[in-house]
Amino acid sequence: MSKTVMWAETDAKGFESECLFNEDSRHYEVMVCASGRRLCRSDSFPAQSDPMQGMTEEDRRQALQCAERLVIEIEHELGDR
């Protein structure tokens, strides 16, 4: 299974987000982890187009929205608001 990291970042709250492109299934995989708490969530969605030169704006927007949703899910599980 071949995967390519498209972007990775850590926000001010310590949430680590990463977006991978899975070349075999042609899906983007978004993973968010709470730093130091070992709590992670992930989701995937089909790529609109092959990211040879990077992600399309639509795929990037969808990945960021997915990451934001996963952060909210983890915050709720941790009891943060």
C-alpha atoms as a PDB file:
ATOM      1  CA  MET A   1       0.000   0.000   0.000  1.00  0.00           C
ATOM      2  CA  SER A   2       1.603   3.228  -1.163  1.00  0.00           C
ATOM      3  CA  LYS A   3       0.763   6.478   0.641  1.00  0.00           C
ATOM      4  CA  THR A   4       2.010  10.022   0.133  1.00  0.00           C
ATOM      5  CA  VAL A   5       1.872  12.728   2.810  1.00  0.00           C
ATOM      6  CA  MET A   6       0.029  15.720   1.345  1.00  0.00           C
ATOM      7  CA  TRP A   7       0.217  17.945   4.441  1.00  0.00           C
ATOM      8  CA  ALA A   8       0.773  17.738   8.180  1.00  0.00           C
ATOM      9  CA  GLU A   9       0.345  20.374  10.882  1.00  0.00           C
ATOM     10  CA  THR A  10      -0.023  20.857  14.617  1.00  0.00           C
ATOM     11  CA  ASP A  11      -2.418  23.498  15.916  1.00  0.00           C
ATOM     12  CA  ALA A  12      -2.134  25.718  18.986  1.00  0.00           C
ATOM     13  CA  LYS A  13      -4.138  23.231  21.080  1.00  0.00           C
ATOM     14  CA  GLY A  14      -1.670  20.444  20.254  1.00  0.00           C
ATOM     15  CA  PHE A  15      -3.819  18.533  17.779  1.00  0.00           C
ATOM     16  CA  GLU A  16      -1.687  16.860  15.119  1.00  0.00           C
ATOM     17  CA  SER A  17      -3.408  16.574  11.730  1.00  0.00           C
ATOM     18  CA  GLU A  18      -2.137  14.732   8.681  1.00  0.00           C
ATOM     19  CA  CYS A  19      -3.517  14.099   5.200  1.00  0.00           C
ATOM     20  CA  LEU A  20      -2.254  11.147   3.170  1.00  0.00           C
ATOM     21  CA  PHE A  21      -3.044  10.102  -0.391  1.00  0.00           C
ATOM     22  CA  ASN A  22      -3.561   6.353  -0.683  1.00  0.00           C
ATOM     23  CA  GLU A  23      -2.451   5.559  -4.233  1.00  0.00           C
ATOM     24  CA  ASP A  24      -3.984   2.071  -4.216  1.00  0.00           C
ATOM     25  CA  SER A  25      -7.529   3.084  -3.295  1.00  0.00           C
ATOM     26  CA  ARG A  26      -7.311   6.666  -4.735  1.00  0.00           C
ATOM     27  CA  HIS A  27      -8.546   8.085  -1.425  1.00  0.00           C
ATOM     28  CA  TYR A  28      -7.299  10.782   0.885  1.00  0.00           C
ATOM     29  CA  GLU A  29      -6.955   9.742   4.504  1.00  0.00           C
ATOM     30  CA  VAL A  30      -7.130  12.402   7.219  1.00  0.00           C
ATOM     31  CA  MET A  31      -5.902  11.567  10.729  1.00  0.00           C
ATOM     32  CA  VAL A  32      -6.063  13.792  13.808  1.00  0.00           C
ATOM     33  CA  CYS A  33      -4.408  12.951  17.133  1.00  0.00           C
ATOM     34  CA  ALA A  34      -4.478  14.741  20.469  1.00  0.00           C
ATOM     35  CA  SER A  35      -0.829  15.221  21.414  1.00  0.00           C
ATOM     36  CA  GLY A  36       0.175  13.341  24.529  1.00  0.00           C
ATOM     37  CA  ARG A  37      -3.261  11.785  25.025  1.00  0.00           C
ATOM     38  CA  ARG A  38      -3.069   8.910  22.541  1.00  0.00           C
ATOM     39  CA  LEU A  39      -6.497   9.675  21.189  1.00  0.00           C
ATOM     40  CA  CYS A  40      -6.807   9.622  17.396  1.00  0.00           C
ATOM     41  CA  ARG A  41      -9.572   9.728  14.829  1.00  0.00           C
ATOM     42  CA  SER A  42      -9.408   9.255  11.074  1.00  0.00           C
ATOM     43  CA  ASP A  43     -11.617   9.409   8.024  1.00  0.00           C
ATOM     44  CA  SER A  44     -11.180   9.104   4.284  1.00  0.00           C
ATOM     45  CA  PHE A  45     -12.791  10.338   1.093  1.00  0.00           C
ATOM     46  CA  PRO A  46     -12.268   9.668  -2.634  1.00  0.00           C
ATOM     47  CA  ALA A  47      -9.897  11.983  -4.487  1.00  0.00           C
ATOM     48  CA  GLN A  48     -11.537  14.222  -7.086  1.00  0.00           C
ATOM     49  CA  SER A  49      -8.423  13.925  -9.270  1.00  0.00           C
ATOM     50  CA  ASP A  50      -4.942  12.417  -9.142  1.00  0.00           C
ATOM     51  CA  PRO A  51      -2.710  14.767  -7.115  1.00  0.00           C
ATOM     52  CA  MET A  52       0.379  14.605  -9.352  1.00  0.00           C
ATOM     53  CA  GLN A  53       1.066  18.312  -8.809  1.00  0.00           C
ATOM     54  CA  GLY A  54      -0.585  18.529  -5.387  1.00  0.00           C
ATOM     55  CA  MET A  55      -4.132  18.534  -4.108  1.00  0.00           C
ATOM     56  CA  THR A  56      -6.915  20.312  -5.937  1.00  0.00           C
ATOM     57  CA  GLU A  57      -8.560  23.180  -4.045  1.00  0.00           C
ATOM     58  CA  GLU A  58     -11.733  21.105  -3.618  1.00  0.00           C
ATOM     59  CA  ASP A  59      -9.834  18.115  -2.173  1.00  0.00           C
ATOM     60  CA  ARG A  60      -7.817  20.411   0.117  1.00  0.00           C
ATOM     61  CA  ARG A  61     -10.993  22.113   1.358  1.00  0.00           C
ATOM     62  CA  GLN A  62     -12.642  18.755   2.022  1.00  0.00           C
ATOM     63  CA  ALA A  63      -9.547  17.473   3.873  1.00  0.00           C
ATOM     64  CA  LEU A  64      -9.435  20.580   6.077  1.00  0.00           C
ATOM     65  CA  GLN A  65     -13.144  20.315   6.867  1.00  0.00           C
ATOM     66  CA  CYS A  66     -12.642  16.649   7.738  1.00  0.00           C
ATOM     67  CA  ALA A  67      -9.724  17.526  10.051  1.00  0.00           C
ATOM     68  CA  GLU A  68     -11.800  20.229  11.770  1.00  0.00           C
ATOM     69  CA  ARG A  69     -14.655  17.776  12.336  1.00  0.00           C
ATOM     70  CA  LEU A  70     -12.267  15.176  13.784  1.00  0.00           C
ATOM     71  CA  VAL A  71     -10.771  17.767  16.167  1.00  0.00           C
ATOM     72  CA  ILE A  72     -14.280  18.610  17.410  1.00  0.00           C
ATOM     73  CA  GLU A  73     -15.051  14.904  17.925  1.00  0.00           C
ATOM     74  CA  ILE A  74     -11.871  14.433  19.964  1.00  0.00           C
ATOM     75  CA  GLU A  75     -12.522  17.611  21.987  1.00  0.00           C
ATOM     76  CA  HIS A  76     -15.996  16.323  22.879  1.00  0.00           C
ATOM     77  CA  GLU A  77     -14.593  12.950  23.878  1.00  0.00           C
ATOM     78  CA  LEU A  78     -11.981  14.636  26.065  1.00  0.00           C
ATOM     79  CA  GLY A  79     -14.630  16.887  27.591  1.00  0.00           C
ATOM     80  CA  ASP A  80     -13.158  20.090  26.137  1.00  0.00           C
ATOM     81  CA  ARG A  81     -15.424  22.752  24.682  1.00  0.00           C
END
